[in-house]
Amino acid sequence: MSSVILRTATRLLLPLLLVFSAFILLRGHNEPGGGFIGGLLSAGALSAYALAWGPAEARRVLRVDPRTLLGAGLLCVCAAAFAGIAAGREVLTGLWAPFEVPGLGKVSTVLLFDLGVHLGVVGATLSILFNLGED
């Protein structure tokens, strides 16, 4: 069993790291950051939680099977990739909505691609780590 300090720290840090991960994800299509780094932050936060509380508790906190996150990420990446074809352009062409979303700015296929990478990194990393931790 892990220490009380580690358990308390992970319980307090998990929400902060997940919010910071979302910040890094959302700023990534305009500045350094993006889906990969944000996904690593999320996976790292949940991995630390799994070290402190166990993989079963981390799965309960996640509420979604990591493989589902991986599949959702692949769908987002494919949707972003083929949106250009649907618009009569090349694959992976960046397309922006004509309106702005408060707090996000103009939503684009770049953000959808970053979201897919984020979900894919979280899903793949946690699938591996949870399976290793349960064995």
Protein backbone atom coordinates (compact mmCIF):
# COMPACT_ATOMS: atom_id res chain seq x y z
CA MET A 1 0.00 0.00 0.00
CA SER A 2 1.26 3.49 -0.80
CA SER A 3 1.87 6.26 1.68
CA VAL A 4 -0.75 8.67 2.94
CA ILE A 5 1.24 11.57 1.52
CA LEU A 6 1.23 10.09 -2.00
CA ARG A 7 -2.48 9.30 -1.83
CA THR A 8 -3.36 12.79 -0.62
CA ALA A 9 -1.10 14.47 -3.16
CA THR A 10 -2.49 12.52 -6.10
CA ARG A 11 -6.07 13.18 -5.01
CA LEU A 12 -5.33 16.93 -4.97
CA LEU A 13 -3.10 17.05 -8.06
CA LEU A 14 -5.26 14.94 -10.39
CA PRO A 15 -7.87 17.65 -11.13
CA LEU A 16 -5.20 20.34 -11.45
CA LEU A 17 -3.15 18.29 -13.91
CA LEU A 18 -6.23 17.43 -15.97
CA VAL A 19 -7.21 21.11 -16.21
CA PHE A 20 -3.65 22.02 -17.18
CA SER A 21 -3.73 19.24 -19.77
CA ALA A 22 -6.90 20.74 -21.28
CA PHE A 23 -5.21 24.16 -21.33
CA ILE A 24 -2.19 22.75 -23.17
CA LEU A 25 -4.48 20.95 -25.62
CA LEU A 26 -6.54 24.05 -26.42
CA ARG A 27 -3.60 26.40 -26.88
CA GLY A 28 -1.74 23.91 -29.07
CA HIS A 29 -3.23 24.91 -32.40
CA ASN A 30 -2.07 28.52 -31.94
CA GLU A 31 1.05 28.19 -29.75
CA PRO A 32 3.41 25.44 -28.55
CA GLY A 33 1.56 22.56 -26.96
CA GLY A 34 -1.18 20.44 -28.42
CA GLY A 35 -2.65 17.00 -28.29
CA PHE A 36 0.44 14.93 -27.68
CA ILE A 37 1.80 16.91 -24.72
CA GLY A 38 -1.68 17.36 -23.27
CA GLY A 39 -2.31 13.64 -23.61
CA LEU A 40 0.94 12.82 -21.85
CA LEU A 41 -0.03 15.15 -19.00
CA SER A 42 -3.42 13.46 -18.62
CA ALA A 43 -1.93 9.99 -18.81
CA GLY A 44 0.77 10.94 -16.33
CA ALA A 45 -1.78 12.30 -13.87
CA LEU A 46 -3.89 9.15 -14.07
CA SER A 47 -0.79 6.96 -13.89
CA ALA A 48 0.28 8.66 -10.66
CA TYR A 49 -3.24 8.13 -9.33
CA ALA A 50 -2.99 4.45 -10.27
CA LEU A 51 0.33 4.17 -8.43
CA ALA A 52 -1.20 5.64 -5.29
CA TRP A 53 -4.62 4.00 -5.32
CA GLY A 54 -4.24 1.02 -7.63
CA PRO A 55 -5.23 0.43 -11.26
CA ALA A 56 -8.79 -0.62 -10.40
CA GLU A 57 -9.47 2.67 -8.61
CA ALA A 58 -7.85 4.64 -11.44
CA ARG A 59 -10.11 2.85 -13.94
CA ARG A 60 -13.10 3.77 -11.77
CA VAL A 61 -12.05 7.43 -11.72
CA LEU A 62 -11.49 7.43 -15.49
CA ARG A 63 -15.03 6.00 -16.01
CA VAL A 64 -14.21 5.01 -19.61
CA ASP A 65 -12.21 2.08 -20.89
CA PRO A 66 -8.88 3.39 -22.24
CA ARG A 67 -9.45 1.45 -25.46
CA THR A 68 -12.62 3.46 -25.99
CA LEU A 69 -10.58 6.66 -25.68
CA LEU A 70 -8.12 5.29 -28.22
CA GLY A 71 -10.93 4.50 -30.66
CA ALA A 72 -12.54 7.92 -30.17
CA GLY A 73 -9.18 9.52 -30.82
CA LEU A 74 -8.76 7.61 -34.06
CA LEU A 75 -12.24 8.69 -35.15
CA CYS A 76 -11.41 12.34 -34.46
CA VAL A 77 -8.15 12.11 -36.40
CA CYS A 78 -9.91 10.44 -39.35
CA ALA A 79 -12.69 13.04 -39.29
CA ALA A 80 -10.13 15.85 -39.32
CA ALA A 81 -8.16 14.16 -42.09
CA PHE A 82 -11.11 13.57 -44.39
CA ALA A 83 -12.90 16.86 -43.76
CA GLY A 84 -10.67 18.36 -46.42
CA ILE A 85 -11.83 15.80 -48.96
CA ALA A 86 -15.46 16.51 -48.07
CA ALA A 87 -14.76 20.21 -48.73
CA GLY A 88 -13.18 19.41 -52.11
CA ARG A 89 -9.60 19.90 -50.93
CA GLU A 90 -6.67 17.66 -50.02
CA VAL A 91 -6.43 15.29 -47.07
CA LEU A 92 -5.55 17.03 -43.78
CA THR A 93 -6.34 20.48 -45.11
CA GLY A 94 -7.00 22.87 -42.23
CA LEU A 95 -10.55 24.19 -42.29
CA TRP A 96 -11.87 26.85 -39.92
CA ALA A 97 -15.45 27.54 -38.92
CA PRO A 98 -16.72 30.97 -39.99
CA PHE A 99 -17.73 31.83 -36.41
CA GLU A 100 -15.88 32.06 -33.10
CA VAL A 101 -16.60 30.06 -29.98
CA PRO A 102 -16.17 32.07 -26.76
CA GLY A 103 -12.95 31.06 -25.02
CA LEU A 104 -11.71 28.97 -27.95
CA GLY A 105 -11.69 31.34 -30.89
CA LYS A 106 -12.28 29.85 -34.32
CA VAL A 107 -12.80 26.08 -34.19
CA SER A 108 -10.94 24.15 -36.85
CA THR A 109 -10.03 20.70 -38.06
CA VAL A 110 -6.62 21.36 -36.51
CA LEU A 111 -8.24 21.39 -33.07
CA LEU A 112 -10.18 18.21 -33.94
CA PHE A 113 -6.92 16.55 -34.98
CA ASP A 114 -5.23 17.66 -31.73
CA LEU A 115 -8.17 16.31 -29.73
CA GLY A 116 -7.84 12.97 -31.53
CA VAL A 117 -4.12 12.81 -30.78
CA HIS A 118 -4.84 13.69 -27.14
CA LEU A 119 -7.43 10.93 -26.76
CA GLY A 120 -5.23 8.44 -28.59
CA VAL A 121 -2.21 9.13 -26.39
CA VAL A 122 -4.27 8.89 -23.19
CA GLY A 123 -5.99 5.70 -24.35
CA ALA A 124 -2.84 3.92 -25.54
CA THR A 125 -0.72 4.92 -22.55
CA LEU A 126 -3.31 4.02 -19.94
CA SER A 127 -4.18 0.73 -21.64
CA ILE A 128 -0.56 -0.33 -21.37
CA LEU A 129 0.01 0.97 -17.85
CA PHE A 130 -3.25 -0.36 -16.39
CA ASN A 131 -2.65 -3.79 -17.88
CA LEU A 132 0.91 -3.86 -16.58
CA GLY A 133 -0.25 -2.71 -13.14
CA GLU A 134 -2.95 -5.36 -12.89
CA ASP A 135 -0.62 -8.26 -13.67
